[in-house]
Amino acid sequence: MTLIASLLFAIALIASVAVIALTFSNSMPRIIEVIDMELAPTVALERRITYGAIKGRSPQPIAEVIAFPRKTAAPADFRLAA
């Protein structure tokens, strides 16, 4: 009985490690994009939001990319009434 429990635990452990590795490999293109954006020498004026799956290995885009402009700072003379 101990042998069966040990084998089931080992199989579950291997499966969980495989799922974590697969998740990281699928999200690696987005992680690299965010790191590049954060470490860029200049601030980008527009932000890219993608809908759908992102795969860096496919030759054609599989998700539509929509660019939204970043929020600009309010002018100095703009004041809210209290």
PDB file of N, CA and C in Angstrom:
ATOM      1  N   MET A   1       0.822  -1.186   0.000  1.00  0.00           N
ATOM      2  CA  MET A   1       0.000   0.000   0.000  1.00  0.00           C
ATOM      3  C   MET A   1       0.874   1.261   0.000  1.00  0.00           C
ATOM      4  N   THR A   2       1.966   1.220   0.736  1.00  0.00           N
ATOM      5  CA  THR A   2       2.878   2.364   0.779  1.00  0.00           C
ATOM      6  C   THR A   2       3.511   2.595  -0.584  1.00  0.00           C
ATOM      7  N   LEU A   3       3.810   1.520  -1.290  1.00  0.00           N
ATOM      8  CA  LEU A   3       4.407   1.634  -2.620  1.00  0.00           C
ATOM      9  C   LEU A   3       3.436   2.301  -3.594  1.00  0.00           C
ATOM     10  N   ILE A   4       2.183   1.931  -3.544  1.00  0.00           N
ATOM     11  CA  ILE A   4       1.181   2.522  -4.437  1.00  0.00           C
ATOM     12  C   ILE A   4       1.004   4.002  -4.125  1.00  0.00           C
ATOM     13  N   ALA A   5       0.950   4.350  -2.839  1.00  0.00           N
ATOM     14  CA  ALA A   5       0.811   5.759  -2.448  1.00  0.00           C
ATOM     15  C   ALA A   5       2.033   6.564  -2.888  1.00  0.00           C
ATOM     16  N   SER A   6       3.205   5.995  -2.766  1.00  0.00           N
ATOM     17  CA  SER A   6       4.423   6.682  -3.189  1.00  0.00           C
ATOM     18  C   SER A   6       4.439   6.900  -4.697  1.00  0.00           C
ATOM     19  N   LEU A   7       4.021   5.901  -5.456  1.00  0.00           N
ATOM     20  CA  LEU A   7       3.965   6.040  -6.911  1.00  0.00           C
ATOM     21  C   LEU A   7       2.939   7.091  -7.332  1.00  0.00           C
ATOM     22  N   LEU A   8       1.780   7.102  -6.693  1.00  0.00           N
ATOM     23  CA  LEU A   8       0.774   8.122  -7.008  1.00  0.00           C
ATOM     24  C   LEU A   8       1.284   9.521  -6.688  1.00  0.00           C
ATOM     25  N   PHE A   9       1.973   9.674  -5.569  1.00  0.00           N
ATOM     26  CA  PHE A   9       2.544  10.972  -5.213  1.00  0.00           C
ATOM     27  C   PHE A   9       3.594  11.397  -6.232  1.00  0.00           C
ATOM     28  N   ALA A  10       4.450  10.482  -6.643  1.00  0.00           N
ATOM     29  CA  ALA A  10       5.491  10.804  -7.623  1.00  0.00           C
ATOM     30  C   ALA A  10       4.874  11.201  -8.960  1.00  0.00           C
ATOM     31  N   ILE A  11       3.825  10.504  -9.384  1.00  0.00           N
ATOM     32  CA  ILE A  11       3.161  10.838 -10.645  1.00  0.00           C
ATOM     33  C   ILE A  11       2.514  12.218 -10.557  1.00  0.00           C
ATOM     34  N   ALA A  12       1.863  12.521  -9.437  1.00  0.00           N
ATOM     35  CA  ALA A  12       1.241  13.839  -9.268  1.00  0.00           C
ATOM     36  C   ALA A  12       2.287  14.940  -9.227  1.00  0.00           C
ATOM     37  N   LEU A  13       3.419  14.691  -8.593  1.00  0.00           N
ATOM     38  CA  LEU A  13       4.497  15.670  -8.532  1.00  0.00           C
ATOM     39  C   LEU A  13       5.072  15.941  -9.919  1.00  0.00           C
ATOM     40  N   ILE A  14       5.303  14.895 -10.691  1.00  0.00           N
ATOM     41  CA  ILE A  14       5.832  15.052 -12.053  1.00  0.00           C
ATOM     42  C   ILE A  14       4.830  15.781 -12.932  1.00  0.00           C
ATOM     43  N   ALA A  15       3.543  15.465 -12.784  1.00  0.00           N
ATOM     44  CA  ALA A  15       2.517  16.135 -13.588  1.00  0.00           C
ATOM     45  C   ALA A  15       2.434  17.621 -13.252  1.00  0.00           C
ATOM     46  N   SER A  16       2.532  17.962 -11.983  1.00  0.00           N
ATOM     47  CA  SER A  16       2.456  19.374 -11.611  1.00  0.00           C
ATOM     48  C   SER A  16       3.667  20.153 -12.116  1.00  0.00           C
ATOM     49  N   VAL A  17       4.845  19.564 -12.074  1.00  0.00           N
ATOM     50  CA  VAL A  17       6.044  20.218 -12.612  1.00  0.00           C
ATOM     51  C   VAL A  17       5.910  20.403 -14.128  1.00  0.00           C
ATOM     52  N   ALA A  18       5.353  19.422 -14.809  1.00  0.00           N
ATOM     53  CA  ALA A  18       5.157  19.534 -16.257  1.00  0.00           C
ATOM     54  C   ALA A  18       4.159  20.641 -16.598  1.00  0.00           C
ATOM     55  N   VAL A  19       3.099  20.758 -15.823  1.00  0.00           N
ATOM     56  CA  VAL A  19       2.113  21.817 -16.085  1.00  0.00           C
ATOM     57  C   VAL A  19       2.719  23.194 -15.845  1.00  0.00           C
ATOM     58  N   ILE A  20       3.511  23.341 -14.796  1.00  0.00           N
ATOM     59  CA  ILE A  20       4.164  24.627 -14.525  1.00  0.00           C
ATOM     60  C   ILE A  20       5.139  24.977 -15.643  1.00  0.00           C
ATOM     61  N   ALA A  21       5.922  24.014 -16.103  1.00  0.00           N
ATOM     62  CA  ALA A  21       6.872  24.261 -17.192  1.00  0.00           C
ATOM     63  C   ALA A  21       6.145  24.623 -18.483  1.00  0.00           C
ATOM     64  N   LEU A  22       5.042  23.964 -18.777  1.00  0.00           N
ATOM     65  CA  LEU A  22       4.267  24.274 -19.981  1.00  0.00           C
ATOM     66  C   LEU A  22       3.667  25.675 -19.907  1.00  0.00           C
ATOM     67  N   THR A  23       3.194  26.069 -18.730  1.00  0.00           N
ATOM     68  CA  THR A  23       2.632  27.406 -18.555  1.00  0.00           C
ATOM     69  C   THR A  23       3.701  28.468 -18.775  1.00  0.00           C
ATOM     70  N   PHE A  24       4.882  28.268 -18.218  1.00  0.00           N
ATOM     71  CA  PHE A  24       5.964  29.235 -18.422  1.00  0.00           C
ATOM     72  C   PHE A  24       6.387  29.303 -19.877  1.00  0.00           C
ATOM     73  N   SER A  25       6.465  28.178 -20.555  1.00  0.00           N
ATOM     74  CA  SER A  25       6.897  28.203 -21.958  1.00  0.00           C
ATOM     75  C   SER A  25       5.862  28.884 -22.841  1.00  0.00           C
ATOM     76  N   ASN A  26       4.579  28.744 -22.514  1.00  0.00           N
ATOM     77  CA  ASN A  26       3.539  29.410 -23.307  1.00  0.00           C
ATOM     78  C   ASN A  26       3.494  30.911 -23.052  1.00  0.00           C
ATOM     79  N   SER A  27       3.822  31.343 -21.851  1.00  0.00           N
ATOM     80  CA  SER A  27       3.739  32.766 -21.533  1.00  0.00           C
ATOM     81  C   SER A  27       5.076  33.494 -21.679  1.00  0.00           C
ATOM     82  N   MET A  28       6.123  32.809 -22.073  1.00  0.00           N
ATOM     83  CA  MET A  28       7.438  33.431 -22.178  1.00  0.00           C
ATOM     84  C   MET A  28       7.491  34.597 -23.183  1.00  0.00           C
ATOM     85  N   PRO A  29       6.840  34.545 -24.356  1.00  0.00           N
ATOM     86  CA  PRO A  29       6.889  35.722 -25.241  1.00  0.00           C
ATOM     87  C   PRO A  29       6.315  36.979 -24.589  1.00  0.00           C
ATOM     88  N   ARG A  30       5.233  36.853 -23.838  1.00  0.00           N
ATOM     89  CA  ARG A  30       4.641  38.013 -23.170  1.00  0.00           C
ATOM     90  C   ARG A  30       5.535  38.489 -22.030  1.00  0.00           C
ATOM     91  N   ILE A  31       6.148  37.583 -21.308  1.00  0.00           N
ATOM     92  CA  ILE A  31       7.056  37.963 -20.226  1.00  0.00           C
ATOM     93  C   ILE A  31       8.238  38.743 -20.784  1.00  0.00           C
ATOM     94  N   ILE A  32       8.803  38.284 -21.890  1.00  0.00           N
ATOM     95  CA  ILE A  32       9.925  38.976 -22.522  1.00  0.00           C
ATOM     96  C   ILE A  32       9.491  40.353 -23.010  1.00  0.00           C
ATOM     97  N   GLU A  33       8.289  40.456 -23.575  1.00  0.00           N
ATOM     98  CA  GLU A  33       7.787  41.744 -24.050  1.00  0.00           C
ATOM     99  C   GLU A  33       7.637  42.739 -22.897  1.00  0.00           C
ATOM    100  N   VAL A  34       7.118  42.299 -21.776  1.00  0.00           N
ATOM    101  CA  VAL A  34       6.945  43.184 -20.621  1.00  0.00           C
ATOM    102  C   VAL A  34       8.297  43.613 -20.058  1.00  0.00           C
ATOM    103  N   ILE A  35       9.248  42.697 -19.981  1.00  0.00           N
ATOM    104  CA  ILE A  35      10.581  43.053 -19.480  1.00  0.00           C
ATOM    105  C   ILE A  35      11.244  44.059 -20.412  1.00  0.00           C
ATOM    106  N   ASP A  36      11.139  43.854 -21.724  1.00  0.00           N
ATOM    107  CA  ASP A  36      11.711  44.802 -22.677  1.00  0.00           C
ATOM    108  C   ASP A  36      11.058  46.173 -22.558  1.00  0.00           C
ATOM    109  N   MET A  37       9.741  46.198 -22.336  1.00  0.00           N
ATOM    110  CA  MET A  37       9.036  47.458 -22.209  1.00  0.00           C
ATOM    111  C   MET A  37       9.451  48.189 -20.935  1.00  0.00           C
ATOM    112  N   GLU A  38       9.624  47.464 -19.843  1.00  0.00           N
ATOM    113  CA  GLU A  38       9.995  48.101 -18.578  1.00  0.00           C
ATOM    114  C   GLU A  38      11.445  48.589 -18.582  1.00  0.00           C
ATOM    115  N   LEU A  39      12.321  47.898 -19.276  1.00  0.00           N
ATOM    116  CA  LEU A  39      13.736  48.275 -19.289  1.00  0.00           C
ATOM    117  C   LEU A  39      14.117  49.131 -20.486  1.00  0.00           C
ATOM    118  N   ALA A  40      13.142  49.582 -21.259  1.00  0.00           N
ATOM    119  CA  ALA A  40      13.423  50.404 -22.435  1.00  0.00           C
ATOM    120  C   ALA A  40      13.978  51.765 -21.992  1.00  0.00           C
ATOM    121  N   PRO A  41      14.901  52.335 -22.784  1.00  0.00           N
ATOM    122  CA  PRO A  41      15.468  53.630 -22.391  1.00  0.00           C
ATOM    123  C   PRO A  41      14.468  54.781 -22.493  1.00  0.00           C
ATOM    124  N   THR A  42      13.467  54.659 -23.347  1.00  0.00           N
ATOM    125  CA  THR A  42      12.448  55.699 -23.485  1.00  0.00           C
ATOM    126  C   THR A  42      11.086  55.104 -23.203  1.00  0.00           C
ATOM    127  N   VAL A  43      10.169  55.953 -22.793  1.00  0.00           N
ATOM    128  CA  VAL A  43       8.823  55.510 -22.489  1.00  0.00           C
ATOM    129  C   VAL A  43       8.027  55.436 -23.789  1.00  0.00           C
ATOM    130  N   ALA A  44       7.367  54.320 -24.018  1.00  0.00           N
ATOM    131  CA  ALA A  44       6.538  54.163 -25.215  1.00  0.00           C
ATOM    132  C   ALA A  44       5.290  55.026 -25.072  1.00  0.00           C
ATOM    133  N   LEU A  45       4.864  55.647 -26.172  1.00  0.00           N
ATOM    134  CA  LEU A  45       3.701  56.518 -26.113  1.00  0.00           C
ATOM    135  C   LEU A  45       2.398  55.768 -26.319  1.00  0.00           C
ATOM    136  N   GLU A  46       2.465  54.533 -26.732  1.00  0.00           N
ATOM    137  CA  GLU A  46       1.242  53.749 -26.871  1.00  0.00           C
ATOM    138  C   GLU A  46       1.457  52.378 -26.273  1.00  0.00           C
ATOM    139  N   ARG A  47       0.373  51.801 -25.821  1.00  0.00           N
ATOM    140  CA  ARG A  47       0.415  50.512 -25.147  1.00  0.00           C
ATOM    141  C   ARG A  47      -0.287  49.489 -26.023  1.00  0.00           C
ATOM    142  N   ARG A  48       0.260  48.284 -26.126  1.00  0.00           N
ATOM    143  CA  ARG A  48      -0.346  47.230 -26.939  1.00  0.00           C
ATOM    144  C   ARG A  48      -1.109  46.279 -26.040  1.00  0.00           C
ATOM    145  N   ILE A  49      -2.345  46.026 -26.404  1.00  0.00           N
ATOM    146  CA  ILE A  49      -3.163  45.057 -25.690  1.00  0.00           C
ATOM    147  C   ILE A  49      -3.543  43.981 -26.689  1.00  0.00           C
ATOM    148  N   THR A  50      -3.233  42.741 -26.368  1.00  0.00           N
ATOM    149  CA  THR A  50      -3.541  41.646 -27.279  1.00  0.00           C
ATOM    150  C   THR A  50      -4.625  40.782 -26.673  1.00  0.00           C
ATOM    151  N   TYR A  51      -5.495  40.332 -27.535  1.00  0.00           N
ATOM    152  CA  TYR A  51      -6.568  39.431 -27.128  1.00  0.00           C
ATOM    153  C   TYR A  51      -6.315  38.072 -27.759  1.00  0.00           C
ATOM    154  N   GLY A  52      -6.445  37.023 -27.002  1.00  0.00           N
ATOM    155  CA  GLY A  52      -6.239  35.683 -27.535  1.00  0.00           C
ATOM    156  C   GLY A  52      -4.893  35.131 -27.117  1.00  0.00           C
ATOM    157  N   ALA A  53      -4.594  33.973 -27.633  1.00  0.00           N
ATOM    158  CA  ALA A  53      -3.340  33.300 -27.282  1.00  0.00           C
ATOM    159  C   ALA A  53      -2.165  33.990 -27.946  1.00  0.00           C
ATOM    160  N   ILE A  54      -1.044  34.015 -27.257  1.00  0.00           N
ATOM    161  CA  ILE A  54       0.184  34.600 -27.791  1.00  0.00           C
ATOM    162  C   ILE A  54       1.209  33.487 -27.882  1.00  0.00           C
ATOM    163  N   LYS A  55       1.630  33.207 -29.073  1.00  0.00           N
ATOM    164  CA  LYS A  55       2.667  32.192 -29.283  1.00  0.00           C
ATOM    165  C   LYS A  55       3.792  32.855 -30.069  1.00  0.00           C
ATOM    166  N   GLY A  56       4.992  32.786 -29.548  1.00  0.00           N
ATOM    167  CA  GLY A  56       6.125  33.403 -30.230  1.00  0.00           C
ATOM    168  C   GLY A  56       6.692  32.542 -31.340  1.00  0.00           C
ATOM    169  N   ARG A  57       6.306  31.288 -31.392  1.00  0.00           N
ATOM    170  CA  ARG A  57       6.911  30.374 -32.355  1.00  0.00           C
ATOM    171  C   ARG A  57       6.160  30.310 -33.685  1.00  0.00           C
ATOM    172  N   SER A  58       4.940  30.836 -33.739  1.00  0.00           N
ATOM    173  CA  SER A  58       4.168  30.748 -34.982  1.00  0.00           C
ATOM    174  C   SER A  58       4.576  31.875 -35.934  1.00  0.00           C
ATOM    175  N   PRO A  59       4.670  31.606 -37.228  1.00  0.00           N
ATOM    176  CA  PRO A  59       5.120  32.625 -38.176  1.00  0.00           C
ATOM    177  C   PRO A  59       4.064  33.695 -38.459  1.00  0.00           C
ATOM    178  N   GLN A  60       2.807  33.402 -38.260  1.00  0.00           N
ATOM    179  CA  GLN A  60       1.752  34.371 -38.545  1.00  0.00           C
ATOM    180  C   GLN A  60       1.076  34.779 -37.241  1.00  0.00           C
ATOM    181  N   PRO A  61       0.573  36.013 -37.181  1.00  0.00           N
ATOM    182  CA  PRO A  61      -0.082  36.425 -35.944  1.00  0.00           C
ATOM    183  C   PRO A  61      -1.384  35.649 -35.735  1.00  0.00           C
ATOM    184  N   ILE A  62      -1.616  35.230 -34.503  1.00  0.00           N
ATOM    185  CA  ILE A  62      -2.825  34.478 -34.201  1.00  0.00           C
ATOM    186  C   ILE A  62      -3.773  35.277 -33.328  1.00  0.00           C
ATOM    187  N   ALA A  63      -3.388  36.503 -32.972  1.00  0.00           N
ATOM    188  CA  ALA A  63      -4.257  37.350 -32.158  1.00  0.00           C
ATOM    189  C   ALA A  63      -4.251  38.753 -32.740  1.00  0.00           C
ATOM    190  N   GLU A  64      -5.383  39.394 -32.677  1.00  0.00           N
ATOM    191  CA  GLU A  64      -5.480  40.766 -33.157  1.00  0.00           C
ATOM    192  C   GLU A  64      -4.839  41.690 -32.127  1.00  0.00           C
ATOM    193  N   VAL A  65      -4.063  42.662 -32.596  1.00  0.00           N
ATOM    194  CA  VAL A  65      -3.381  43.593 -31.707  1.00  0.00           C
ATOM    195  C   VAL A  65      -4.060  44.944 -31.831  1.00  0.00           C
ATOM    196  N   ILE A  66      -4.472  45.491 -30.702  1.00  0.00           N
ATOM    197  CA  ILE A  66      -5.127  46.792 -30.670  1.00  0.00           C
ATOM    198  C   ILE A  66      -4.233  47.725 -29.867  1.00  0.00           C
ATOM    199  N   ALA A  67      -3.877  48.868 -30.442  1.00  0.00           N
ATOM    200  CA  ALA A  67      -3.010  49.829 -29.766  1.00  0.00           C
ATOM    201  C   ALA A  67      -3.869  50.930 -29.146  1.00  0.00           C
ATOM    202  N   PHE A  68      -3.664  51.182 -27.860  1.00  0.00           N
ATOM    203  CA  PHE A  68      -4.356  52.253 -27.160  1.00  0.00           C
ATOM    204  C   PHE A  68      -3.325  53.293 -26.736  1.00  0.00           C
ATOM    205  N   PRO A  69      -3.610  54.576 -26.913  1.00  0.00           N
ATOM    206  CA  PRO A  69      -2.650  55.592 -26.455  1.00  0.00           C
ATOM    207  C   PRO A  69      -2.612  55.629 -24.934  1.00  0.00           C
ATOM    208  N   ARG A  70      -1.461  55.950 -24.414  1.00  0.00           N
ATOM    209  CA  ARG A  70      -1.330  56.057 -22.959  1.00  0.00           C
ATOM    210  C   ARG A  70      -2.028  57.306 -22.461  1.00  0.00           C
ATOM    211  N   LYS A  71      -2.441  57.271 -21.213  1.00  0.00           N
ATOM    212  CA  LYS A  71      -3.101  58.419 -20.599  1.00  0.00           C
ATOM    213  C   LYS A  71      -2.084  59.540 -20.422  1.00  0.00           C
ATOM    214  N   THR A  72      -2.428  60.716 -20.904  1.00  0.00           N
ATOM    215  CA  THR A  72      -1.526  61.851 -20.774  1.00  0.00           C
ATOM    216  C   THR A  72      -1.819  62.591 -19.475  1.00  0.00           C
ATOM    217  N   ALA A  73      -0.864  63.363 -19.030  1.00  0.00           N
ATOM    218  CA  ALA A  73      -1.028  64.118 -17.792  1.00  0.00           C
ATOM    219  C   ALA A  73      -1.991  65.278 -18.030  1.00  0.00           C
ATOM    220  N   ALA A  74      -2.759  65.627 -17.009  1.00  0.00           N
ATOM    221  CA  ALA A  74      -3.691  66.740 -17.109  1.00  0.00           C
ATOM    222  C   ALA A  74      -2.927  68.051 -17.161  1.00  0.00           C
ATOM    223  N   PRO A  75      -3.443  69.043 -17.879  1.00  0.00           N
ATOM    224  CA  PRO A  75      -2.756  70.336 -17.914  1.00  0.00           C
ATOM    225  C   PRO A  75      -2.708  70.967 -16.516  1.00  0.00           C
ATOM    226  N   ALA A  76      -1.732  71.837 -16.290  1.00  0.00           N
ATOM    227  CA  ALA A  76      -1.523  72.412 -14.970  1.00  0.00           C
ATOM    228  C   ALA A  76      -2.663  73.334 -14.558  1.00  0.00           C
ATOM    229  N   ASP A  77      -3.356  73.965 -15.523  1.00  0.00           N
ATOM    230  CA  ASP A  77      -4.429  74.893 -15.175  1.00  0.00           C
ATOM    231  C   ASP A  77      -5.761  74.187 -14.938  1.00  0.00           C
ATOM    232  N   PHE A  78      -5.829  72.886 -15.097  1.00  0.00           N
ATOM    233  CA  PHE A  78      -7.062  72.143 -14.894  1.00  0.00           C
ATOM    234  C   PHE A  78      -7.252  71.887 -13.393  1.00  0.00           C
ATOM    235  N   ARG A  79      -8.392  72.329 -12.843  1.00  0.00           N
ATOM    236  CA  ARG A  79      -8.644  72.143 -11.423  1.00  0.00           C
ATOM    237  C   ARG A  79     -10.061  71.596 -11.231  1.00  0.00           C
ATOM    238  N   LEU A  80     -10.220  70.767 -10.236  1.00  0.00           N
ATOM    239  CA  LEU A  80     -11.523  70.221  -9.914  1.00  0.00           C
ATOM    240  C   LEU A  80     -12.197  71.090  -8.858  1.00  0.00           C
ATOM    241  N   ALA A  81     -13.498  71.293  -9.016  1.00  0.00           N
ATOM    242  CA  ALA A  81     -14.236  72.053  -8.026  1.00  0.00           C
ATOM    243  C   ALA A  81     -14.570  71.150  -6.850  1.00  0.00           C
ATOM    244  N   ALA A  82     -14.446  71.657  -5.657  1.00  0.00           N
ATOM    245  CA  ALA A  82     -14.734  70.854  -4.460  1.00  0.00           C
ATOM    246  C   ALA A  82     -16.123  71.146  -3.923  1.00  0.00           C
TER     247      ALA A  82
END
